[in-house]
Amino acid sequence: KITLEQASEQLKCVKEKLYTRSVFNVATALVATGFAMMLGGSLLDVTVTTVMGFWLAFCIMYAKIKKVNSLLLDIISCAGIAFFTLCFQKYITPGIDIDIIIVSSLMPIVPGVAITNAIRDTLQGDYLSGCARVLEAFLKAASVALGVGLGMAMGGMLL
């Protein structure tokens, strides 16, 4: 048994962040880079994917500071990834595979954990929680798709 003061101190320790913002940003970029390598991208594809991973990390960091809605964040960051990848292909590195770069760059925000939790909750009989998590995963996936579509449309019109 512990006192209320001891419980409060232990809760404050749990609330502290485990990783610094810079470690989180580097990890986000490295996840994207790892997927580019796994999907068979060339050295140039992997390099551009790393840049796009840092773009995604910057968007996430900025959105947390400004308290932007997560769905809006997904749309904006995915549109930026698609648009900047098309810009890289058009002006800087014409030989890149935009499919590998865009898919790899999006992997850190794919709602895989939300889908897994939704299935787990549903199988355990918690149907309300399962439905809510399925809806959350669907909205996240739809916002990612909408963002990529907008970015590619903007790139197609402007480039």
C-alpha atoms as a PDB file:
ATOM      1  CA  LYS A   1       0.000   0.000   0.000  1.00  0.00           C
ATOM      2  CA  ILE A   2       1.162   3.498  -0.836  1.00  0.00           C
ATOM      3  CA  THR A   3       0.018   6.949   0.173  1.00  0.00           C
ATOM      4  CA  LEU A   4      -1.744   9.396  -2.137  1.00  0.00           C
ATOM      5  CA  GLU A   5       1.418  11.495  -2.393  1.00  0.00           C
ATOM      6  CA  GLN A   6       3.477   8.478  -3.481  1.00  0.00           C
ATOM      7  CA  ALA A   7       0.813   7.537  -6.050  1.00  0.00           C
ATOM      8  CA  SER A   8       0.815  11.085  -7.366  1.00  0.00           C
ATOM      9  CA  GLU A   9       4.623  11.040  -7.744  1.00  0.00           C
ATOM     10  CA  GLN A  10       4.504   7.713  -9.583  1.00  0.00           C
ATOM     11  CA  LEU A  11       1.842   9.063 -11.955  1.00  0.00           C
ATOM     12  CA  LYS A  12       4.002  12.106 -12.700  1.00  0.00           C
ATOM     13  CA  CYS A  13       6.864   9.770 -13.658  1.00  0.00           C
ATOM     14  CA  VAL A  14       4.613   7.849 -16.039  1.00  0.00           C
ATOM     15  CA  LYS A  15       3.436  11.056 -17.682  1.00  0.00           C
ATOM     16  CA  GLU A  16       6.960  12.055 -18.704  1.00  0.00           C
ATOM     17  CA  LYS A  17       7.886  11.473 -22.324  1.00  0.00           C
ATOM     18  CA  LEU A  18      10.144   8.540 -23.027  1.00  0.00           C
ATOM     19  CA  TYR A  19      11.784  10.049 -26.099  1.00  0.00           C
ATOM     20  CA  THR A  20      12.851  13.526 -27.050  1.00  0.00           C
ATOM     21  CA  ARG A  21      11.368  15.249 -30.070  1.00  0.00           C
ATOM     22  CA  SER A  22      14.577  14.842 -32.069  1.00  0.00           C
ATOM     23  CA  VAL A  23      14.719  11.088 -31.405  1.00  0.00           C
ATOM     24  CA  PHE A  24      11.085  10.784 -32.508  1.00  0.00           C
ATOM     25  CA  ASN A  25      11.802  12.743 -35.718  1.00  0.00           C
ATOM     26  CA  VAL A  26      14.827  10.633 -36.608  1.00  0.00           C
ATOM     27  CA  ALA A  27      12.914   7.426 -35.872  1.00  0.00           C
ATOM     28  CA  THR A  28      10.047   8.519 -38.145  1.00  0.00           C
ATOM     29  CA  ALA A  29      12.474   9.175 -40.999  1.00  0.00           C
ATOM     30  CA  LEU A  30      14.294   5.890 -40.406  1.00  0.00           C
ATOM     31  CA  VAL A  31      11.054   3.892 -40.482  1.00  0.00           C
ATOM     32  CA  ALA A  32      10.302   5.352 -43.909  1.00  0.00           C
ATOM     33  CA  THR A  33      13.871   4.675 -45.010  1.00  0.00           C
ATOM     34  CA  GLY A  34      13.675   1.073 -43.840  1.00  0.00           C
ATOM     35  CA  PHE A  35      10.503   0.468 -45.813  1.00  0.00           C
ATOM     36  CA  ALA A  36      12.099   1.935 -48.943  1.00  0.00           C
ATOM     37  CA  MET A  37      14.964  -0.532 -48.592  1.00  0.00           C
ATOM     38  CA  MET A  38      12.574  -3.374 -47.898  1.00  0.00           C
ATOM     39  CA  LEU A  39      10.514  -2.568 -51.003  1.00  0.00           C
ATOM     40  CA  GLY A  40      13.631  -2.717 -53.175  1.00  0.00           C
ATOM     41  CA  GLY A  41      14.251   0.968 -53.753  1.00  0.00           C
ATOM     42  CA  SER A  42      17.518   2.168 -55.226  1.00  0.00           C
ATOM     43  CA  LEU A  43      19.958   4.282 -53.234  1.00  0.00           C
ATOM     44  CA  LEU A  44      18.401   7.384 -54.775  1.00  0.00           C
ATOM     45  CA  ASP A  45      14.894   6.221 -53.816  1.00  0.00           C
ATOM     46  CA  VAL A  46      16.032   5.552 -50.247  1.00  0.00           C
ATOM     47  CA  THR A  47      17.639   9.002 -50.020  1.00  0.00           C
ATOM     48  CA  VAL A  48      14.509  10.797 -51.248  1.00  0.00           C
ATOM     49  CA  THR A  49      12.389   8.667 -48.901  1.00  0.00           C
ATOM     50  CA  THR A  50      14.552   9.781 -45.982  1.00  0.00           C
ATOM     51  CA  VAL A  51      13.914  13.408 -46.944  1.00  0.00           C
ATOM     52  CA  MET A  52      10.178  12.691 -47.139  1.00  0.00           C
ATOM     53  CA  GLY A  53      10.374  10.961 -43.742  1.00  0.00           C
ATOM     54  CA  PHE A  54      11.842  14.108 -42.236  1.00  0.00           C
ATOM     55  CA  TRP A  55       9.067  16.122 -43.932  1.00  0.00           C
ATOM     56  CA  LEU A  56       6.517  13.849 -42.230  1.00  0.00           C
ATOM     57  CA  ALA A  57       8.294  14.206 -38.884  1.00  0.00           C
ATOM     58  CA  PHE A  58       8.304  17.995 -39.275  1.00  0.00           C
ATOM     59  CA  CYS A  59       4.574  18.012 -40.053  1.00  0.00           C
ATOM     60  CA  ILE A  60       3.807  15.860 -37.022  1.00  0.00           C
ATOM     61  CA  MET A  61       5.976  18.013 -34.756  1.00  0.00           C
ATOM     62  CA  TYR A  62       4.443  21.258 -36.015  1.00  0.00           C
ATOM     63  CA  ALA A  63       0.901  19.882 -35.700  1.00  0.00           C
ATOM     64  CA  LYS A  64       1.521  18.846 -32.093  1.00  0.00           C
ATOM     65  CA  ILE A  65       2.771  22.329 -31.263  1.00  0.00           C
ATOM     66  CA  LYS A  66      -0.206  24.015 -32.969  1.00  0.00           C
ATOM     67  CA  LYS A  67      -2.682  21.331 -31.779  1.00  0.00           C
ATOM     68  CA  VAL A  68      -3.917  20.513 -35.292  1.00  0.00           C
ATOM     69  CA  ASN A  69      -6.559  17.832 -35.772  1.00  0.00           C
ATOM     70  CA  SER A  70      -4.953  14.470 -36.616  1.00  0.00           C
ATOM     71  CA  LEU A  71      -7.090  13.903 -39.725  1.00  0.00           C
ATOM     72  CA  LEU A  72      -6.157  17.318 -41.091  1.00  0.00           C
ATOM     73  CA  LEU A  73      -2.535  16.582 -40.252  1.00  0.00           C
ATOM     74  CA  ASP A  74      -2.680  13.331 -42.224  1.00  0.00           C
ATOM     75  CA  ILE A  75      -4.198  15.046 -45.257  1.00  0.00           C
ATOM     76  CA  ILE A  76      -1.655  17.876 -45.258  1.00  0.00           C
ATOM     77  CA  SER A  77       1.406  15.715 -44.608  1.00  0.00           C
ATOM     78  CA  CYS A  78       0.409  13.100 -47.202  1.00  0.00           C
ATOM     79  CA  ALA A  79      -0.352  15.765 -49.781  1.00  0.00           C
ATOM     80  CA  GLY A  80       3.079  17.248 -49.123  1.00  0.00           C
ATOM     81  CA  ILE A  81       4.768  13.872 -49.468  1.00  0.00           C
ATOM     82  CA  ALA A  82       3.082  13.172 -52.805  1.00  0.00           C
ATOM     83  CA  PHE A  83       3.631  16.696 -54.149  1.00  0.00           C
ATOM     84  CA  PHE A  84       7.275  16.951 -53.109  1.00  0.00           C
ATOM     85  CA  THR A  85       8.006  13.482 -54.465  1.00  0.00           C
ATOM     86  CA  LEU A  86       6.634  14.557 -57.833  1.00  0.00           C
ATOM     87  CA  CYS A  87       8.753  17.726 -57.607  1.00  0.00           C
ATOM     88  CA  PHE A  88      11.848  15.628 -56.878  1.00  0.00           C
ATOM     89  CA  GLN A  89      11.097  13.448 -59.894  1.00  0.00           C
ATOM     90  CA  LYS A  90      10.492  16.399 -62.201  1.00  0.00           C
ATOM     91  CA  TYR A  91      13.304  18.755 -61.194  1.00  0.00           C
ATOM     92  CA  ILE A  92      15.976  17.077 -59.082  1.00  0.00           C
ATOM     93  CA  THR A  93      16.168  13.289 -59.577  1.00  0.00           C
ATOM     94  CA  PRO A  94      14.247  12.126 -62.677  1.00  0.00           C
ATOM     95  CA  GLY A  95      15.136   8.449 -62.227  1.00  0.00           C
ATOM     96  CA  ILE A  96      13.327   7.825 -58.943  1.00  0.00           C
ATOM     97  CA  ASP A  97      10.452   5.399 -58.412  1.00  0.00           C
ATOM     98  CA  ILE A  98       7.676   7.563 -56.976  1.00  0.00           C
ATOM     99  CA  ASP A  99       5.578   4.540 -55.972  1.00  0.00           C
ATOM    100  CA  ILE A 100       8.230   3.195 -53.615  1.00  0.00           C
ATOM    101  CA  ILE A 101       8.939   6.633 -52.186  1.00  0.00           C
ATOM    102  CA  ILE A 102       5.321   7.575 -51.514  1.00  0.00           C
ATOM    103  CA  VAL A 103       4.349   4.191 -50.050  1.00  0.00           C
ATOM    104  CA  SER A 104       7.465   4.032 -47.869  1.00  0.00           C
ATOM    105  CA  SER A 105       7.004   7.580 -46.636  1.00  0.00           C
ATOM    106  CA  LEU A 106       3.403   6.896 -45.623  1.00  0.00           C
ATOM    107  CA  MET A 107       4.134   3.757 -43.628  1.00  0.00           C
ATOM    108  CA  PRO A 108       4.773   5.546 -40.292  1.00  0.00           C
ATOM    109  CA  ILE A 109       1.182   6.829 -40.277  1.00  0.00           C
ATOM    110  CA  VAL A 110      -0.659   3.778 -41.632  1.00  0.00           C
ATOM    111  CA  PRO A 111      -3.305   2.765 -39.048  1.00  0.00           C
ATOM    112  CA  GLY A 112      -2.115  -0.815 -38.557  1.00  0.00           C
ATOM    113  CA  VAL A 113      -2.243  -0.724 -34.760  1.00  0.00           C
ATOM    114  CA  ALA A 114      -5.760   0.749 -34.801  1.00  0.00           C
ATOM    115  CA  ILE A 115      -6.979  -2.037 -37.091  1.00  0.00           C
ATOM    116  CA  THR A 116      -5.346  -4.683 -34.906  1.00  0.00           C
ATOM    117  CA  ASN A 117      -6.910  -3.223 -31.756  1.00  0.00           C
ATOM    118  CA  ALA A 118     -10.312  -3.059 -33.463  1.00  0.00           C
ATOM    119  CA  ILE A 119     -10.164  -6.737 -34.367  1.00  0.00           C
ATOM    120  CA  ARG A 120      -8.957  -7.667 -30.888  1.00  0.00           C
ATOM    121  CA  ASP A 121     -11.745  -5.713 -29.201  1.00  0.00           C
ATOM    122  CA  THR A 122     -14.377  -7.217 -31.475  1.00  0.00           C
ATOM    123  CA  LEU A 123     -13.130 -10.771 -30.899  1.00  0.00           C
ATOM    124  CA  GLN A 124     -13.173 -10.197 -27.140  1.00  0.00           C
ATOM    125  CA  GLY A 125     -16.838  -9.239 -27.347  1.00  0.00           C
ATOM    126  CA  ASP A 126     -16.424  -5.487 -26.901  1.00  0.00           C
ATOM    127  CA  TYR A 127     -18.372  -4.579 -30.020  1.00  0.00           C
ATOM    128  CA  LEU A 128     -18.819  -0.896 -29.273  1.00  0.00           C
ATOM    129  CA  SER A 129     -15.092  -0.325 -28.788  1.00  0.00           C
ATOM    130  CA  GLY A 130     -14.326  -2.482 -31.839  1.00  0.00           C
ATOM    131  CA  CYS A 131     -16.676  -0.451 -34.029  1.00  0.00           C
ATOM    132  CA  ALA A 132     -15.231   2.810 -32.755  1.00  0.00           C
ATOM    133  CA  ARG A 133     -11.674   1.657 -33.494  1.00  0.00           C
ATOM    134  CA  VAL A 134     -12.668   0.413 -36.961  1.00  0.00           C
ATOM    135  CA  LEU A 135     -14.172   3.818 -37.690  1.00  0.00           C
ATOM    136  CA  GLU A 136     -11.023   5.538 -36.419  1.00  0.00           C
ATOM    137  CA  ALA A 137      -8.803   3.351 -38.613  1.00  0.00           C
ATOM    138  CA  PHE A 138     -11.047   3.891 -41.626  1.00  0.00           C
ATOM    139  CA  LEU A 139     -11.009   7.674 -41.190  1.00  0.00           C
ATOM    140  CA  LYS A 140      -7.235   7.689 -40.836  1.00  0.00           C
ATOM    141  CA  ALA A 141      -6.795   5.533 -43.947  1.00  0.00           C
ATOM    142  CA  ALA A 142      -9.257   7.716 -45.868  1.00  0.00           C
ATOM    143  CA  SER A 143      -7.427  10.893 -44.857  1.00  0.00           C
ATOM    144  CA  VAL A 144      -4.110   9.374 -45.965  1.00  0.00           C
ATOM    145  CA  ALA A 145      -5.637   8.408 -49.331  1.00  0.00           C
ATOM    146  CA  LEU A 146      -7.250  11.827 -49.722  1.00  0.00           C
ATOM    147  CA  GLY A 147      -3.971  13.571 -48.940  1.00  0.00           C
ATOM    148  CA  VAL A 148      -1.993  11.519 -51.458  1.00  0.00           C
ATOM    149  CA  GLY A 149      -4.677  12.083 -54.080  1.00  0.00           C
ATOM    150  CA  LEU A 150      -4.662  15.841 -53.483  1.00  0.00           C
ATOM    151  CA  GLY A 151      -0.873  15.984 -53.587  1.00  0.00           C
ATOM    152  CA  MET A 152      -0.698  14.046 -56.838  1.00  0.00           C
ATOM    153  CA  ALA A 153      -3.479  16.158 -58.371  1.00  0.00           C
ATOM    154  CA  MET A 154      -1.682  19.368 -57.370  1.00  0.00           C
ATOM    155  CA  GLY A 155       1.569  17.987 -58.736  1.00  0.00           C
ATOM    156  CA  GLY A 156      -0.090  16.980 -61.972  1.00  0.00           C
ATOM    157  CA  MET A 157      -1.650  20.422 -62.449  1.00  0.00           C
ATOM    158  CA  LEU A 158       1.364  22.489 -61.442  1.00  0.00           C
ATOM    159  CA  LEU A 159       4.130  20.380 -62.917  1.00  0.00           C
END
